[in-house]
């Protein structure tokens, strides 16, 4: 199955060369979870603060059990500071 993975801010350093702006398509096995995508893409888990699946926040404790479906959009954001 295929999903869209979106990486924001400092996570954009992990975008592949073929990425369209801040997003790219990822091929996954059926039943893959949000945590498995992060691991598969070799993203630094400590740098991921906000996980959105189709615009809905996924809490850290649900990332291991939230299963993705075909054409889902998974957005990952690092912690943001400022003021």
N, C-alpha and C. Protein backbone atom coordinates (compact mmCIF):
# COMPACT_ATOMS: atom_id res chain seq x y z
N UNK A 1 0.84 -1.18 0.00
CA UNK A 1 0.00 0.00 0.00
C UNK A 1 0.88 1.23 0.00
N UNK A 2 0.30 2.36 -0.34
CA UNK A 2 1.06 3.60 -0.42
C UNK A 2 0.41 4.70 0.42
N UNK A 3 1.28 5.46 1.12
CA UNK A 3 0.81 6.62 1.88
C UNK A 3 1.67 7.82 1.50
N UNK A 4 1.22 8.99 1.92
CA UNK A 4 2.01 10.21 1.76
C UNK A 4 2.63 10.53 3.11
N UNK A 5 3.94 10.72 3.13
CA UNK A 5 4.65 11.10 4.34
C UNK A 5 5.10 12.55 4.19
N UNK A 6 4.76 13.37 5.18
CA UNK A 6 5.12 14.78 5.17
C UNK A 6 6.05 15.07 6.35
N UNK A 7 7.18 15.70 6.06
CA UNK A 7 8.15 16.03 7.09
C UNK A 7 8.32 17.55 7.15
N UNK A 8 8.25 18.10 8.35
CA UNK A 8 8.29 19.55 8.52
C UNK A 8 9.51 20.00 9.31
N UNK A 9 9.86 21.27 9.12
CA UNK A 9 10.95 21.95 9.83
C UNK A 9 12.24 21.15 9.74
N UNK A 10 12.91 20.91 10.86
CA UNK A 10 14.22 20.24 10.83
C UNK A 10 14.15 18.80 10.31
N UNK A 11 12.97 18.20 10.33
CA UNK A 11 12.84 16.84 9.79
C UNK A 11 12.95 16.81 8.26
N UNK A 12 12.83 17.97 7.63
CA UNK A 12 12.93 18.03 6.17
C UNK A 12 14.31 17.60 5.67
N UNK A 13 15.30 17.57 6.55
CA UNK A 13 16.63 17.09 6.18
C UNK A 13 16.60 15.60 5.81
N UNK A 14 15.55 14.91 6.21
CA UNK A 14 15.43 13.48 5.95
C UNK A 14 14.60 13.19 4.69
N UNK A 15 14.18 14.23 3.98
CA UNK A 15 13.42 14.03 2.76
C UNK A 15 14.32 13.43 1.67
N UNK A 16 13.80 12.50 0.90
CA UNK A 16 14.59 11.98 -0.22
C UNK A 16 14.67 13.02 -1.34
N UNK A 17 15.61 12.84 -2.24
CA UNK A 17 15.80 13.80 -3.33
C UNK A 17 14.57 13.91 -4.23
N UNK A 18 13.78 12.85 -4.33
CA UNK A 18 12.60 12.87 -5.20
C UNK A 18 11.36 13.48 -4.53
N UNK A 19 11.50 13.98 -3.32
CA UNK A 19 10.35 14.54 -2.59
C UNK A 19 9.80 15.76 -3.30
N UNK A 20 8.50 15.89 -3.26
CA UNK A 20 7.81 17.05 -3.81
C UNK A 20 7.56 18.02 -2.66
N UNK A 21 8.38 19.06 -2.59
CA UNK A 21 8.35 20.01 -1.48
C UNK A 21 8.65 19.29 -0.18
N UNK A 22 7.68 19.11 0.69
CA UNK A 22 7.94 18.48 1.98
C UNK A 22 7.30 17.10 2.11
N UNK A 23 6.88 16.51 0.99
CA UNK A 23 6.19 15.23 1.08
C UNK A 23 6.65 14.27 -0.01
N UNK A 24 6.44 12.98 0.27
CA UNK A 24 6.76 11.95 -0.71
C UNK A 24 5.92 10.71 -0.42
N UNK A 25 5.83 9.85 -1.40
CA UNK A 25 5.06 8.62 -1.29
C UNK A 25 5.94 7.52 -0.69
N UNK A 26 5.34 6.74 0.20
CA UNK A 26 6.04 5.64 0.85
C UNK A 26 5.25 4.36 0.61
N UNK A 27 5.94 3.33 0.19
CA UNK A 27 5.34 2.02 0.00
C UNK A 27 5.46 1.24 1.31
N UNK A 28 4.34 0.73 1.81
CA UNK A 28 4.31 0.03 3.10
C UNK A 28 3.61 -1.31 2.98
N UNK A 29 3.93 -2.19 3.89
CA UNK A 29 3.19 -3.45 4.01
C UNK A 29 1.84 -3.17 4.66
N UNK A 30 0.83 -3.93 4.28
CA UNK A 30 -0.48 -3.82 4.93
C UNK A 30 -0.31 -4.01 6.42
N UNK A 31 -1.03 -3.23 7.22
CA UNK A 31 -0.98 -3.37 8.67
C UNK A 31 0.14 -2.58 9.33
N UNK A 32 0.88 -1.77 8.55
CA UNK A 32 1.97 -0.96 9.13
C UNK A 32 1.41 0.11 10.06
N UNK A 33 2.16 0.38 11.12
CA UNK A 33 1.76 1.40 12.09
C UNK A 33 2.57 2.68 11.89
N UNK A 34 2.14 3.75 12.55
CA UNK A 34 2.87 5.01 12.46
C UNK A 34 4.30 4.84 12.97
N UNK A 35 4.49 4.10 14.04
CA UNK A 35 5.84 3.86 14.58
C UNK A 35 6.71 3.10 13.60
N UNK A 36 6.14 2.16 12.88
CA UNK A 36 6.90 1.40 11.91
C UNK A 36 7.36 2.27 10.75
N UNK A 37 6.56 3.23 10.35
CA UNK A 37 6.96 4.15 9.28
C UNK A 37 8.16 4.98 9.74
N UNK A 38 8.10 5.49 10.95
CA UNK A 38 9.19 6.29 11.50
C UNK A 38 10.48 5.46 11.52
N UNK A 39 10.36 4.22 11.95
CA UNK A 39 11.52 3.33 12.01
C UNK A 39 12.02 3.00 10.60
N UNK A 40 11.12 2.66 9.70
CA UNK A 40 11.48 2.29 8.33
C UNK A 40 12.21 3.43 7.62
N UNK A 41 11.79 4.66 7.88
CA UNK A 41 12.40 5.82 7.23
C UNK A 41 13.65 6.30 7.97
N UNK A 42 14.00 5.61 9.04
CA UNK A 42 15.19 5.92 9.85
C UNK A 42 15.17 7.37 10.35
N UNK A 43 14.01 7.78 10.85
CA UNK A 43 13.85 9.13 11.40
C UNK A 43 14.17 9.10 12.89
N UNK A 44 14.76 10.16 13.41
CA UNK A 44 15.12 10.19 14.83
C UNK A 44 13.88 10.38 15.71
N UNK A 45 13.49 9.34 16.39
CA UNK A 45 12.25 9.36 17.20
C UNK A 45 12.24 10.50 18.21
N UNK A 46 13.39 10.83 18.76
CA UNK A 46 13.45 11.91 19.76
C UNK A 46 13.21 13.28 19.13
N UNK A 47 13.32 13.36 17.82
CA UNK A 47 13.09 14.64 17.13
C UNK A 47 11.65 14.79 16.64
N UNK A 48 10.84 13.77 16.88
CA UNK A 48 9.44 13.82 16.42
C UNK A 48 8.53 14.10 17.61
N UNK A 49 7.87 15.24 17.54
CA UNK A 49 7.01 15.66 18.63
C UNK A 49 5.53 15.49 18.27
N UNK A 50 5.18 15.93 17.09
CA UNK A 50 3.78 15.94 16.67
C UNK A 50 3.59 14.96 15.52
N UNK A 51 2.64 14.04 15.68
CA UNK A 51 2.30 13.08 14.63
C UNK A 51 0.83 13.27 14.30
N UNK A 52 0.58 13.56 13.02
CA UNK A 52 -0.79 13.76 12.55
C UNK A 52 -1.09 12.74 11.46
N UNK A 53 -2.20 12.04 11.62
CA UNK A 53 -2.66 11.09 10.61
C UNK A 53 -3.94 11.65 10.01
N UNK A 54 -3.87 12.04 8.76
CA UNK A 54 -5.00 12.68 8.08
C UNK A 54 -5.53 13.87 8.88
N UNK A 55 -4.60 14.62 9.48
CA UNK A 55 -4.94 15.82 10.22
C UNK A 55 -5.35 15.60 11.67
N UNK A 56 -5.31 14.36 12.14
CA UNK A 56 -5.71 14.04 13.52
C UNK A 56 -4.48 13.65 14.34
N UNK A 57 -4.35 14.27 15.51
CA UNK A 57 -3.22 14.03 16.40
C UNK A 57 -3.20 12.59 16.90
N UNK A 58 -2.02 11.96 16.81
CA UNK A 58 -1.83 10.61 17.35
C UNK A 58 -0.92 10.73 18.56
N UNK A 59 -1.42 10.38 19.72
CA UNK A 59 -0.64 10.48 20.95
C UNK A 59 0.52 9.47 20.91
N UNK A 60 1.60 9.76 21.64
CA UNK A 60 2.75 8.84 21.65
C UNK A 60 2.38 7.40 22.02
N UNK A 61 1.47 7.24 22.96
CA UNK A 61 1.12 5.88 23.38
C UNK A 61 0.28 5.12 22.34
N UNK A 62 -0.25 5.81 21.34
CA UNK A 62 -1.06 5.14 20.30
C UNK A 62 -0.30 4.94 18.99
N UNK A 63 0.93 5.40 18.92
CA UNK A 63 1.69 5.32 17.66
C UNK A 63 2.07 3.89 17.30
N UNK A 64 2.20 3.03 18.30
CA UNK A 64 2.54 1.63 18.03
C UNK A 64 1.34 0.80 17.58
N UNK A 65 0.14 1.32 17.80
CA UNK A 65 -1.06 0.54 17.48
C UNK A 65 -1.94 1.19 16.40
N UNK A 66 -1.59 2.39 15.96
CA UNK A 66 -2.38 3.07 14.93
C UNK A 66 -1.94 2.55 13.56
N UNK A 67 -2.83 1.81 12.92
CA UNK A 67 -2.55 1.17 11.63
C UNK A 67 -2.93 2.11 10.50
N UNK A 68 -2.04 2.21 9.53
CA UNK A 68 -2.25 3.07 8.37
C UNK A 68 -3.03 2.33 7.28
N UNK A 69 -3.72 3.12 6.45
CA UNK A 69 -4.48 2.58 5.32
C UNK A 69 -4.00 3.23 4.03
N UNK A 70 -4.30 2.61 2.94
CA UNK A 70 -3.97 3.13 1.60
C UNK A 70 -4.37 4.60 1.48
N UNK A 71 -3.47 5.41 0.96
CA UNK A 71 -3.69 6.85 0.70
C UNK A 71 -3.76 7.72 1.94
N UNK A 72 -3.41 7.19 3.10
CA UNK A 72 -3.35 8.03 4.30
C UNK A 72 -2.24 9.07 4.13
N UNK A 73 -2.36 10.16 4.89
CA UNK A 73 -1.31 11.20 4.94
C UNK A 73 -0.80 11.26 6.37
N UNK A 74 0.49 11.01 6.52
CA UNK A 74 1.14 11.03 7.83
C UNK A 74 2.09 12.21 7.88
N UNK A 75 1.85 13.13 8.80
CA UNK A 75 2.68 14.32 8.93
C UNK A 75 3.45 14.27 10.26
N UNK A 76 4.75 14.57 10.19
CA UNK A 76 5.62 14.52 11.36
C UNK A 76 6.28 15.87 11.56
N UNK A 77 6.24 16.37 12.80
CA UNK A 77 6.81 17.67 13.13
C UNK A 77 7.70 17.55 14.36
N UNK A 78 8.81 18.29 14.36
CA UNK A 78 9.67 18.31 15.54
C UNK A 78 9.11 19.27 16.58
N UNK A 79 9.66 19.30 17.78
CA UNK A 79 9.25 20.30 18.76
C UNK A 79 9.60 21.69 18.19
N UNK A 80 8.75 22.64 18.48
CA UNK A 80 8.98 24.00 18.00
C UNK A 80 9.09 24.93 19.19
N UNK A 81 10.10 25.79 19.17
CA UNK A 81 10.29 26.75 20.24
C UNK A 81 10.31 28.15 19.64
N UNK A 82 9.99 29.08 20.42
CA UNK A 82 10.01 30.46 19.94
C UNK A 82 9.22 31.34 20.88
N UNK A 83 9.12 32.55 20.51
CA UNK A 83 8.35 33.40 21.39
C UNK A 83 8.28 34.81 20.92
